[in-house]
Amino acid sequence: MELNRRGVFALGAALAASTGVTTAEARTPEADLPGFRHNYAQVNGVRLHYVTGGRGEPLVLLPGWPQTWWLYSKIMPALATRFRVIAVDLRGMGGSEKPLGGFDKKTMATDIHELVRKLGYDEVNVVGHDLGSMVAFAFAANFPSATNKVAFMDVLHPDEGFYHIPLLPPPGGFSLWWFAFNQVQTLPEQLLAGRFRFLVDWLFANTAFNPAAIDERARQIYARAYNSPDAIRASNGWYQAFHQDIADGKTYGKLTPPVLGLASISSYDQFLAALPNVANQFEVVRVDGSGHWLAEEQPDFVAREITRFFG
């Protein structure tokens, strides 16, 4: 059956009416992955979208900004041969609800803990990238008995070092300007709503070792996920909660579950220096030939390392 664009939206609306799923959530054919299923669950006062597939021990995948669960799409088929893969859109992301608050990483980790309990698991393996890595850290810190092992990709939990992120770039470089930009109230959604693709393309052009590794389909998926004012507001909330995250982090002891740090060249030394202070058992693996977007730039290597560590 062939449908034009109007027919696709009509079909989405009909599906939404019959399932209780909103049109935006129902309209996800471009983000379908063969062998995996879209699901929704109400947990901790928020409705989460998550994608599942495979069999074996549960492996929870948490994405970061400005992406969705789709960032793991290149490695999910390989992981599903060994694990029950559960890729989650975090609170405020993609197909998940975009509430007005609860964007501190401890609350977001509680979302994930309630989700895995609802799915019938007492203990899971957790992988996080970027903002998802911060949530994975908070999960392991707050729910150690529910964490078998945990992996952080290229980012660790906010700490007081965040107060010293330079805004003046070195010659020929650039600052982490989005850390400051996403702290601003209202203005980001006014500037970016309907134009988020410009930001997506800039980030991949400037922070990937191989920008072509993030293909056109992925870029369209990410831009569409963040194009609305609500989506931009919610994603900014993850950054605006950093002060609370830093305060929460001061109350955490060393992580007791085994930790894998997967680091790009630019974050490798940071991981080597930081992980001894925050984890009892850890290893750090450098992902050569990759910028920040490890699972998309070096998917085969990342899938092998995750399978080795958690297997």
C-alpha atoms as a PDB file:
ATOM      1  CA  MET A   1       0.000   0.000   0.000  1.00  0.00           C
ATOM      2  CA  GLU A   2       1.357   3.418  -0.962  1.00  0.00           C
ATOM      3  CA  LEU A   3       0.501   6.492   1.101  1.00  0.00           C
ATOM      4  CA  ASN A   4       1.270  10.121   0.443  1.00  0.00           C
ATOM      5  CA  ARG A   5       2.350  12.394   3.322  1.00  0.00           C
ATOM      6  CA  ARG A   6      -1.256  13.309   4.164  1.00  0.00           C
ATOM      7  CA  GLY A   7      -2.153   9.613   4.225  1.00  0.00           C
ATOM      8  CA  VAL A   8       0.704   8.845   6.596  1.00  0.00           C
ATOM      9  CA  PHE A   9      -0.480  11.471   9.075  1.00  0.00           C
ATOM     10  CA  ALA A  10      -4.079  10.248   8.780  1.00  0.00           C
ATOM     11  CA  LEU A  11      -2.946   6.709   9.476  1.00  0.00           C
ATOM     12  CA  GLY A  12      -0.934   7.959  12.459  1.00  0.00           C
ATOM     13  CA  ALA A  13      -3.939   9.785  13.846  1.00  0.00           C
ATOM     14  CA  ALA A  14      -6.093   6.693  13.487  1.00  0.00           C
ATOM     15  CA  LEU A  15      -3.494   4.604  15.262  1.00  0.00           C
ATOM     16  CA  ALA A  16      -3.253   7.168  18.036  1.00  0.00           C
ATOM     17  CA  ALA A  17      -7.019   7.127  18.519  1.00  0.00           C
ATOM     18  CA  SER A  18      -7.087   3.346  18.834  1.00  0.00           C
ATOM     19  CA  THR A  19      -4.036   2.942  21.081  1.00  0.00           C
ATOM     20  CA  GLY A  20      -3.875   6.094  23.188  1.00  0.00           C
ATOM     21  CA  VAL A  21      -0.500   6.948  21.636  1.00  0.00           C
ATOM     22  CA  THR A  22      -0.128  10.559  20.470  1.00  0.00           C
ATOM     23  CA  THR A  23       0.266  11.262  16.759  1.00  0.00           C
ATOM     24  CA  ALA A  24       3.899  12.333  17.271  1.00  0.00           C
ATOM     25  CA  GLU A  25       4.657   9.016  18.974  1.00  0.00           C
ATOM     26  CA  ALA A  26       2.762   6.968  16.400  1.00  0.00           C
ATOM     27  CA  ARG A  27       4.566   8.637  13.485  1.00  0.00           C
ATOM     28  CA  THR A  28       7.876   6.801  13.844  1.00  0.00           C
ATOM     29  CA  PRO A  29       8.298   4.658  10.674  1.00  0.00           C
ATOM     30  CA  GLU A  30      11.614   6.379   9.920  1.00  0.00           C
ATOM     31  CA  ALA A  31      12.908   5.248  13.333  1.00  0.00           C
ATOM     32  CA  ASP A  32      11.827   1.620  13.073  1.00  0.00           C
ATOM     33  CA  LEU A  33      14.555  -1.013  13.433  1.00  0.00           C
ATOM     34  CA  PRO A  34      13.875  -4.550  12.151  1.00  0.00           C
ATOM     35  CA  GLY A  35      13.561  -7.046  14.976  1.00  0.00           C
ATOM     36  CA  PHE A  36      12.811  -4.376  17.601  1.00  0.00           C
ATOM     37  CA  ARG A  37       9.540  -3.152  19.071  1.00  0.00           C
ATOM     38  CA  HIS A  38       8.335   0.254  20.296  1.00  0.00           C
ATOM     39  CA  ASN A  39       6.824   0.299  23.798  1.00  0.00           C
ATOM     40  CA  TYR A  40       5.466   2.835  26.316  1.00  0.00           C
ATOM     41  CA  ALA A  41       5.262   2.720  30.117  1.00  0.00           C
ATOM     42  CA  GLN A  42       4.067   5.080  32.832  1.00  0.00           C
ATOM     43  CA  VAL A  43       6.717   5.220  35.579  1.00  0.00           C
ATOM     44  CA  ASN A  44       7.633   7.735  38.290  1.00  0.00           C
ATOM     45  CA  GLY A  45       4.948  10.109  37.031  1.00  0.00           C
ATOM     46  CA  VAL A  46       6.227  10.225  33.432  1.00  0.00           C
ATOM     47  CA  ARG A  47       5.457   8.273  30.256  1.00  0.00           C
ATOM     48  CA  LEU A  48       8.570   6.741  28.704  1.00  0.00           C
ATOM     49  CA  HIS A  49       9.103   5.406  25.208  1.00  0.00           C
ATOM     50  CA  TYR A  50      11.494   2.484  24.885  1.00  0.00           C
ATOM     51  CA  VAL A  51      12.526  -0.002  22.213  1.00  0.00           C
ATOM     52  CA  THR A  52      13.174  -3.687  22.904  1.00  0.00           C
ATOM     53  CA  GLY A  53      14.621  -6.695  21.111  1.00  0.00           C
ATOM     54  CA  GLY A  54      16.795  -9.755  21.585  1.00  0.00           C
ATOM     55  CA  ARG A  55      17.094 -12.304  24.360  1.00  0.00           C
ATOM     56  CA  GLY A  56      19.403 -12.761  27.315  1.00  0.00           C
ATOM     57  CA  GLU A  57      20.408 -10.642  30.271  1.00  0.00           C
ATOM     58  CA  PRO A  58      18.781  -7.188  30.239  1.00  0.00           C
ATOM     59  CA  LEU A  59      20.958  -4.425  28.794  1.00  0.00           C
ATOM     60  CA  VAL A  60      19.560  -0.892  29.188  1.00  0.00           C
ATOM     61  CA  LEU A  61      20.818   1.736  26.714  1.00  0.00           C
ATOM     62  CA  LEU A  62      20.468   5.417  27.656  1.00  0.00           C
ATOM     63  CA  PRO A  63      21.078   8.089  24.972  1.00  0.00           C
ATOM     64  CA  GLY A  64      22.158  11.707  25.231  1.00  0.00           C
ATOM     65  CA  TRP A  65      21.726  15.159  23.705  1.00  0.00           C
ATOM     66  CA  PRO A  66      20.821  15.953  20.970  1.00  0.00           C
ATOM     67  CA  GLN A  67      19.873  12.404  20.054  1.00  0.00           C
ATOM     68  CA  THR A  68      17.349   9.679  20.870  1.00  0.00           C
ATOM     69  CA  TRP A  69      17.445   5.916  21.312  1.00  0.00           C
ATOM     70  CA  TRP A  70      18.319   5.803  17.602  1.00  0.00           C
ATOM     71  CA  LEU A  71      21.974   6.595  18.380  1.00  0.00           C
ATOM     72  CA  TYR A  72      22.308   2.909  19.336  1.00  0.00           C
ATOM     73  CA  SER A  73      20.642   1.611  16.171  1.00  0.00           C
ATOM     74  CA  LYS A  74      23.929   0.542  14.565  1.00  0.00           C
ATOM     75  CA  ILE A  75      24.905  -1.651  17.523  1.00  0.00           C
ATOM     76  CA  MET A  76      21.525  -2.909  18.753  1.00  0.00           C
ATOM     77  CA  PRO A  77      21.276  -5.839  16.284  1.00  0.00           C
ATOM     78  CA  ALA A  78      24.675  -7.170  17.373  1.00  0.00           C
ATOM     79  CA  LEU A  79      23.898  -6.679  21.063  1.00  0.00           C
ATOM     80  CA  ALA A  80      20.523  -8.393  20.670  1.00  0.00           C
ATOM     81  CA  THR A  81      22.280 -11.670  19.835  1.00  0.00           C
ATOM     82  CA  ARG A  82      23.489 -11.807  23.443  1.00  0.00           C
ATOM     83  CA  PHE A  83      21.219  -9.522  25.469  1.00  0.00           C
ATOM     84  CA  ARG A  84      17.641  -8.371  25.932  1.00  0.00           C
ATOM     85  CA  VAL A  85      18.175  -4.831  24.654  1.00  0.00           C
ATOM     86  CA  ILE A  86      16.097  -2.015  26.180  1.00  0.00           C
ATOM     87  CA  ALA A  87      16.862   1.353  24.546  1.00  0.00           C
ATOM     88  CA  VAL A  88      15.067   4.174  26.365  1.00  0.00           C
ATOM     89  CA  ASP A  89      14.167   7.713  25.387  1.00  0.00           C
ATOM     90  CA  LEU A  90      14.878   9.594  28.608  1.00  0.00           C
ATOM     91  CA  ARG A  91      12.371  11.911  30.272  1.00  0.00           C
ATOM     92  CA  GLY A  92      11.967  14.820  27.858  1.00  0.00           C
ATOM     93  CA  MET A  93      13.449  12.977  24.853  1.00  0.00           C
ATOM     94  CA  GLY A  94      12.036  11.638  21.596  1.00  0.00           C
ATOM     95  CA  GLY A  95       8.822   9.698  22.123  1.00  0.00           C
ATOM     96  CA  SER A  96       8.884  10.120  25.901  1.00  0.00           C
ATOM     97  CA  GLU A  97       6.838  12.666  27.816  1.00  0.00           C
ATOM     98  CA  LYS A  98       8.225  16.179  28.216  1.00  0.00           C
ATOM     99  CA  PRO A  99       7.207  17.307  31.708  1.00  0.00           C
ATOM    100  CA  LEU A 100       8.020  20.647  33.294  1.00  0.00           C
ATOM    101  CA  GLY A 101      10.568  19.248  35.737  1.00  0.00           C
ATOM    102  CA  GLY A 102      12.368  16.248  37.138  1.00  0.00           C
ATOM    103  CA  PHE A 103      15.429  16.662  34.927  1.00  0.00           C
ATOM    104  CA  ASP A 104      18.032  16.113  37.636  1.00  0.00           C
ATOM    105  CA  LYS A 105      19.850  12.865  36.928  1.00  0.00           C
ATOM    106  CA  LYS A 106      18.800  11.241  40.209  1.00  0.00           C
ATOM    107  CA  THR A 107      15.121  11.613  39.287  1.00  0.00           C
ATOM    108  CA  MET A 108      15.812  10.425  35.736  1.00  0.00           C
ATOM    109  CA  ALA A 109      17.662   7.404  37.126  1.00  0.00           C
ATOM    110  CA  THR A 110      14.608   6.680  39.261  1.00  0.00           C
ATOM    111  CA  ASP A 111      12.536   6.710  36.056  1.00  0.00           C
ATOM    112  CA  ILE A 112      14.783   3.979  34.654  1.00  0.00           C
ATOM    113  CA  HIS A 113      14.767   1.991  37.888  1.00  0.00           C
ATOM    114  CA  GLU A 114      10.970   1.965  37.975  1.00  0.00           C
ATOM    115  CA  LEU A 115      10.882   0.986  34.294  1.00  0.00           C
ATOM    116  CA  VAL A 116      13.142  -2.031  34.724  1.00  0.00           C
ATOM    117  CA  ARG A 117      11.196  -3.101  37.801  1.00  0.00           C
ATOM    118  CA  LYS A 118       7.975  -2.832  35.812  1.00  0.00           C
ATOM    119  CA  LEU A 119       9.587  -5.046  33.182  1.00  0.00           C
ATOM    120  CA  GLY A 120      10.252  -7.644  35.884  1.00  0.00           C
ATOM    121  CA  TYR A 121      14.007  -7.201  36.387  1.00  0.00           C
ATOM    122  CA  ASP A 122      15.717  -6.953  39.769  1.00  0.00           C
ATOM    123  CA  GLU A 123      19.160  -6.334  38.237  1.00  0.00           C
ATOM    124  CA  VAL A 124      20.234  -4.945  34.865  1.00  0.00           C
ATOM    125  CA  ASN A 125      23.298  -3.889  32.905  1.00  0.00           C
ATOM    126  CA  VAL A 126      23.317  -0.209  31.943  1.00  0.00           C
ATOM    127  CA  VAL A 127      25.079   1.714  29.166  1.00  0.00           C
ATOM    128  CA  GLY A 128      24.890   5.493  28.831  1.00  0.00           C
ATOM    129  CA  HIS A 129      26.206   8.040  26.370  1.00  0.00           C
ATOM    130  CA  ASP A 130      26.513  11.786  27.022  1.00  0.00           C
ATOM    131  CA  LEU A 131      23.501  12.861  29.167  1.00  0.00           C
ATOM    132  CA  GLY A 132      22.548   9.186  29.279  1.00  0.00           C
ATOM    133  CA  SER A 133      25.927   8.438  30.819  1.00  0.00           C
ATOM    134  CA  MET A 134      25.142  10.882  33.630  1.00  0.00           C
ATOM    135  CA  VAL A 135      21.842   9.080  34.230  1.00  0.00           C
ATOM    136  CA  ALA A 136      23.608   5.715  34.125  1.00  0.00           C
ATOM    137  CA  PHE A 137      26.048   6.987  36.774  1.00  0.00           C
ATOM    138  CA  ALA A 138      23.167   8.161  38.974  1.00  0.00           C
ATOM    139  CA  PHE A 139      21.464   4.791  38.479  1.00  0.00           C
ATOM    140  CA  ALA A 140      24.543   2.880  39.660  1.00  0.00           C
ATOM    141  CA  ALA A 141      25.051   5.301  42.577  1.00  0.00           C
ATOM    142  CA  ASN A 142      21.459   5.229  43.811  1.00  0.00           C
ATOM    143  CA  PHE A 143      20.509   1.662  42.913  1.00  0.00           C
ATOM    144  CA  PRO A 144      23.690  -0.408  43.251  1.00  0.00           C
ATOM    145  CA  SER A 145      21.814  -3.630  44.032  1.00  0.00           C
ATOM    146  CA  ALA A 146      19.894  -3.201  40.755  1.00  0.00           C
ATOM    147  CA  THR A 147      23.092  -2.619  38.750  1.00  0.00           C
ATOM    148  CA  ASN A 148      25.062  -5.614  37.546  1.00  0.00           C
ATOM    149  CA  LYS A 149      27.610  -3.614  35.531  1.00  0.00           C
ATOM    150  CA  VAL A 150      27.595  -0.120  34.026  1.00  0.00           C
ATOM    151  CA  ALA A 151      29.336   1.549  31.063  1.00  0.00           C
ATOM    152  CA  PHE A 152      29.885   5.268  30.483  1.00  0.00           C
ATOM    153  CA  MET A 153      30.552   6.556  26.974  1.00  0.00           C
ATOM    154  CA  ASP A 154      32.643   9.731  26.706  1.00  0.00           C
ATOM    155  CA  VAL A 155      30.980  11.604  29.613  1.00  0.00           C
ATOM    156  CA  LEU A 156      30.846  11.221  33.401  1.00  0.00           C
ATOM    157  CA  HIS A 157      28.496  12.627  36.038  1.00  0.00           C
ATOM    158  CA  PRO A 158      28.490  16.414  36.616  1.00  0.00           C
ATOM    159  CA  ASP A 159      30.896  17.582  39.315  1.00  0.00           C
ATOM    160  CA  GLU A 160      32.428  20.897  40.355  1.00  0.00           C
ATOM    161  CA  GLY A 161      34.694  20.787  37.333  1.00  0.00           C
ATOM    162  CA  PHE A 162      31.628  21.814  35.318  1.00  0.00           C
ATOM    163  CA  TYR A 163      31.933  25.264  36.898  1.00  0.00           C
ATOM    164  CA  HIS A 164      35.274  25.691  35.134  1.00  0.00           C
ATOM    165  CA  ILE A 165      34.300  24.736  31.575  1.00  0.00           C
ATOM    166  CA  PRO A 166      35.966  27.442  29.459  1.00  0.00           C
ATOM    167  CA  LEU A 167      33.772  29.612  27.282  1.00  0.00           C
ATOM    168  CA  LEU A 168      36.640  31.378  25.514  1.00  0.00           C
ATOM    169  CA  PRO A 169      37.867  28.946  22.853  1.00  0.00           C
ATOM    170  CA  PRO A 170      41.548  28.374  22.148  1.00  0.00           C
ATOM    171  CA  PRO A 171      42.846  29.649  18.816  1.00  0.00           C
ATOM    172  CA  GLY A 172      41.383  27.510  16.062  1.00  0.00           C
ATOM    173  CA  GLY A 173      39.009  25.721  18.434  1.00  0.00           C
ATOM    174  CA  PHE A 174      35.579  26.278  19.940  1.00  0.00           C
ATOM    175  CA  SER A 175      34.091  26.356  23.413  1.00  0.00           C
ATOM    176  CA  LEU A 176      31.413  24.074  24.804  1.00  0.00           C
ATOM    177  CA  TRP A 177      29.017  26.945  24.142  1.00  0.00           C
ATOM    178  CA  TRP A 178      25.910  24.778  24.315  1.00  0.00           C
ATOM    179  CA  PHE A 179      26.461  24.204  28.051  1.00  0.00           C
ATOM    180  CA  ALA A 180      25.826  27.924  28.578  1.00  0.00           C
ATOM    181  CA  PHE A 181      23.257  28.302  25.799  1.00  0.00           C
ATOM    182  CA  ASN A 182      21.082  25.514  27.210  1.00  0.00           C
ATOM    183  CA  GLN A 183      21.022  27.259  30.593  1.00  0.00           C
ATOM    184  CA  VAL A 184      19.074  30.174  29.103  1.00  0.00           C
ATOM    185  CA  GLN A 185      15.327  30.218  29.683  1.00  0.00           C
ATOM    186  CA  THR A 186      12.952  30.455  26.682  1.00  0.00           C
ATOM    187  CA  LEU A 187      15.412  31.852  24.130  1.00  0.00           C
ATOM    188  CA  PRO A 188      16.729  28.484  22.817  1.00  0.00           C
ATOM    189  CA  GLU A 189      13.275  27.240  21.826  1.00  0.00           C
ATOM    190  CA  GLN A 190      12.499  30.592  20.195  1.00  0.00           C
ATOM    191  CA  LEU A 191      15.665  30.378  18.118  1.00  0.00           C
ATOM    192  CA  LEU A 192      15.732  26.649  17.355  1.00  0.00           C
ATOM    193  CA  ALA A 193      12.113  25.476  17.018  1.00  0.00           C
ATOM    194  CA  GLY A 194      11.735  24.219  13.448  1.00  0.00           C
ATOM    195  CA  ARG A 195      15.427  24.862  12.800  1.00  0.00           C
ATOM    196  CA  PHE A 196      17.113  22.284  15.015  1.00  0.00           C
ATOM    197  CA  ARG A 197      18.759  20.618  12.026  1.00  0.00           C
ATOM    198  CA  PHE A 198      21.270  23.499  11.886  1.00  0.00           C
ATOM    199  CA  LEU A 199      22.448  22.666  15.415  1.00  0.00           C
ATOM    200  CA  VAL A 200      22.555  18.920  14.690  1.00  0.00           C
ATOM    201  CA  ASP A 201      24.713  19.413  11.616  1.00  0.00           C
ATOM    202  CA  TRP A 202      27.052  21.868  13.387  1.00  0.00           C
ATOM    203  CA  LEU A 203      27.643  19.490  16.286  1.00  0.00           C
ATOM    204  CA  PHE A 204      28.421  16.518  14.076  1.00  0.00           C
ATOM    205  CA  ALA A 205      30.628  18.618  11.798  1.00  0.00           C
ATOM    206  CA  ASN A 206      32.672  19.912  14.721  1.00  0.00           C
ATOM    207  CA  THR A 207      32.720  17.094  17.296  1.00  0.00           C
ATOM    208  CA  ALA A 208      32.859  13.941  15.157  1.00  0.00           C
ATOM    209  CA  PHE A 209      36.082  12.412  13.879  1.00  0.00           C
ATOM    210  CA  ASN A 210      34.106  11.253  10.845  1.00  0.00           C
ATOM    211  CA  PRO A 211      30.938  13.354  10.458  1.00  0.00           C
ATOM    212  CA  ALA A 212      29.746  11.172   7.561  1.00  0.00           C
ATOM    213  CA  ALA A 213      29.274   8.319  10.035  1.00  0.00           C
ATOM    214  CA  ILE A 214      26.090  10.053  11.222  1.00  0.00           C
ATOM    215  CA  ASP A 215      24.032   9.621   8.080  1.00  0.00           C
ATOM    216  CA  GLU A 216      21.162  11.641   6.653  1.00  0.00           C
ATOM    217  CA  ARG A 217      18.500   9.353   8.114  1.00  0.00           C
ATOM    218  CA  ALA A 218      19.898   9.734  11.626  1.00  0.00           C
ATOM    219  CA  ARG A 219      20.200  13.510  11.278  1.00  0.00           C
ATOM    220  CA  GLN A 220      16.577  13.776  10.169  1.00  0.00           C
ATOM    221  CA  ILE A 221      15.443  11.628  13.104  1.00  0.00           C
ATOM    222  CA  TYR A 222      17.332  13.757  15.638  1.00  0.00           C
ATOM    223  CA  ALA A 223      16.269  17.091  14.144  1.00  0.00           C
ATOM    224  CA  ARG A 224      12.622  16.023  14.057  1.00  0.00           C
ATOM    225  CA  ALA A 225      12.796  14.833  17.668  1.00  0.00           C
ATOM    226  CA  TYR A 226      13.997  18.256  18.897  1.00  0.00           C
ATOM    227  CA  ASN A 227      12.213  20.630  16.521  1.00  0.00           C
ATOM    228  CA  SER A 228       9.320  21.537  18.839  1.00  0.00           C
ATOM    229  CA  PRO A 229       9.532  24.188  21.583  1.00  0.00           C
ATOM    230  CA  ASP A 230       8.571  21.590  24.223  1.00  0.00           C
ATOM    231  CA  ALA A 231      11.346  19.232  23.135  1.00  0.00           C
ATOM    232  CA  ILE A 232      13.943  22.023  23.239  1.00  0.00           C
ATOM    233  CA  ARG A 233      12.697  23.256  26.636  1.00  0.00           C
ATOM    234  CA  ALA A 234      12.844  19.742  28.077  1.00  0.00           C
ATOM    235  CA  SER A 235      16.334  19.021  26.736  1.00  0.00           C
ATOM    236  CA  ASN A 236      17.549  22.330  28.151  1.00  0.00           C
ATOM    237  CA  GLY A 237      16.182  21.131  31.486  1.00  0.00           C
ATOM    238  CA  TRP A 238      18.813  18.393  31.547  1.00  0.00           C
ATOM    239  CA  TYR A 239      21.503  21.103  31.514  1.00  0.00           C
ATOM    240  CA  GLN A 240      19.700  23.460  33.872  1.00  0.00           C
ATOM    241  CA  ALA A 241      19.659  20.660  36.470  1.00  0.00           C
ATOM    242  CA  PHE A 242      23.476  20.453  36.594  1.00  0.00           C
ATOM    243  CA  HIS A 243      23.638  22.439  39.851  1.00  0.00           C
ATOM    244  CA  GLN A 244      21.394  19.872  41.543  1.00  0.00           C
ATOM    245  CA  ASP A 245      23.336  17.032  39.930  1.00  0.00           C
ATOM    246  CA  ILE A 246      26.598  18.384  41.343  1.00  0.00           C
ATOM    247  CA  ALA A 247      25.039  18.645  44.811  1.00  0.00           C
ATOM    248  CA  ASP A 248      23.681  15.093  44.545  1.00  0.00           C
ATOM    249  CA  GLY A 249      27.030  13.799  43.346  1.00  0.00           C
ATOM    250  CA  LYS A 250      28.699  15.034  46.514  1.00  0.00           C
ATOM    251  CA  THR A 251      26.535  12.603  48.497  1.00  0.00           C
ATOM    252  CA  TYR A 252      27.532   9.551  46.437  1.00  0.00           C
ATOM    253  CA  GLY A 253      30.199   7.139  47.558  1.00  0.00           C
ATOM    254  CA  LYS A 254      32.365   5.230  45.107  1.00  0.00           C
ATOM    255  CA  LEU A 255      30.401   3.115  42.666  1.00  0.00           C
ATOM    256  CA  THR A 256      30.415  -0.552  43.657  1.00  0.00           C
ATOM    257  CA  PRO A 257      29.300  -2.201  40.365  1.00  0.00           C
ATOM    258  CA  PRO A 258      32.068  -2.821  37.802  1.00  0.00           C
ATOM    259  CA  VAL A 259      32.505   0.149  35.439  1.00  0.00           C
ATOM    260  CA  LEU A 260      33.588   0.345  31.810  1.00  0.00           C
ATOM    261  CA  GLY A 261      34.656   3.723  30.455  1.00  0.00           C
ATOM    262  CA  LEU A 262      34.553   3.988  26.659  1.00  0.00           C
ATOM    263  CA  ALA A 263      36.359   7.191  25.734  1.00  0.00           C
ATOM    264  CA  SER A 264      37.219   9.098  22.609  1.00  0.00           C
ATOM    265  CA  ILE A 265      40.733  10.425  22.219  1.00  0.00           C
ATOM    266  CA  SER A 266      39.676  13.760  23.724  1.00  0.00           C
ATOM    267  CA  SER A 267      38.103  12.250  26.861  1.00  0.00           C
ATOM    268  CA  TYR A 268      40.481   9.308  27.428  1.00  0.00           C
ATOM    269  CA  ASP A 269      42.859  11.105  29.814  1.00  0.00           C
ATOM    270  CA  GLN A 270      39.923  12.572  31.725  1.00  0.00           C
ATOM    271  CA  PHE A 271      38.455   9.106  32.232  1.00  0.00           C
ATOM    272  CA  LEU A 272      41.809   7.733  33.407  1.00  0.00           C
ATOM    273  CA  ALA A 273      42.108  10.542  35.952  1.00  0.00           C
ATOM    274  CA  ALA A 274      38.494  10.574  37.162  1.00  0.00           C
ATOM    275  CA  LEU A 275      37.376   6.957  37.394  1.00  0.00           C
ATOM    276  CA  PRO A 276      39.742   5.969  40.254  1.00  0.00           C
ATOM    277  CA  ASN A 277      38.009   8.626  42.362  1.00  0.00           C
ATOM    278  CA  VAL A 278      34.452   7.499  41.662  1.00  0.00           C
ATOM    279  CA  ALA A 279      34.559   3.717  41.107  1.00  0.00           C
ATOM    280  CA  ASN A 280      35.982   0.744  42.976  1.00  0.00           C
ATOM    281  CA  GLN A 281      36.307  -1.476  39.887  1.00  0.00           C
ATOM    282  CA  PHE A 282      36.841   0.045  36.478  1.00  0.00           C
ATOM    283  CA  GLU A 283      38.568  -0.186  33.144  1.00  0.00           C
ATOM    284  CA  VAL A 284      39.006   2.450  30.447  1.00  0.00           C
ATOM    285  CA  VAL A 285      39.070   1.650  26.737  1.00  0.00           C
ATOM    286  CA  ARG A 286      40.031   4.238  24.138  1.00  0.00           C
ATOM    287  CA  VAL A 287      37.895   4.260  20.993  1.00  0.00           C
ATOM    288  CA  ASP A 288      40.306   5.317  18.259  1.00  0.00           C
ATOM    289  CA  GLY A 289      39.002   6.904  15.089  1.00  0.00           C
ATOM    290  CA  SER A 290      36.026   8.428  16.867  1.00  0.00           C
ATOM    291  CA  GLY A 291      34.934  11.789  18.118  1.00  0.00           C
ATOM    292  CA  HIS A 292      32.149  12.140  20.672  1.00  0.00           C
ATOM    293  CA  TRP A 293      29.648   9.900  18.841  1.00  0.00           C
ATOM    294  CA  LEU A 294      31.242   6.539  19.631  1.00  0.00           C
ATOM    295  CA  ALA A 295      28.390   4.136  18.847  1.00  0.00           C
ATOM    296  CA  GLU A 296      27.839   5.710  15.433  1.00  0.00           C
ATOM    297  CA  GLU A 297      31.431   6.424  14.438  1.00  0.00           C
ATOM    298  CA  GLN A 298      32.912   3.073  15.563  1.00  0.00           C
ATOM    299  CA  PRO A 299      29.879   0.780  15.983  1.00  0.00           C
ATOM    300  CA  ASP A 300      31.653  -2.554  15.470  1.00  0.00           C
ATOM    301  CA  PHE A 301      34.335  -1.775  18.055  1.00  0.00           C
ATOM    302  CA  VAL A 302      31.825  -0.392  20.574  1.00  0.00           C
ATOM    303  CA  ALA A 303      29.507  -3.406  20.159  1.00  0.00           C
ATOM    304  CA  ARG A 304      32.420  -5.797  20.714  1.00  0.00           C
ATOM    305  CA  GLU A 305      33.601  -3.981  23.843  1.00  0.00           C
ATOM    306  CA  ILE A 306      30.110  -3.830  25.337  1.00  0.00           C
ATOM    307  CA  THR A 307      29.560  -7.526  24.590  1.00  0.00           C
ATOM    308  CA  ARG A 308      32.922  -8.436  26.104  1.00  0.00           C
ATOM    309  CA  PHE A 309      32.432  -6.399  29.257  1.00  0.00           C
ATOM    310  CA  PHE A 310      28.842  -7.332  29.990  1.00  0.00           C
ATOM    311  CA  GLY A 311      29.073 -10.867  28.613  1.00  0.00           C
END
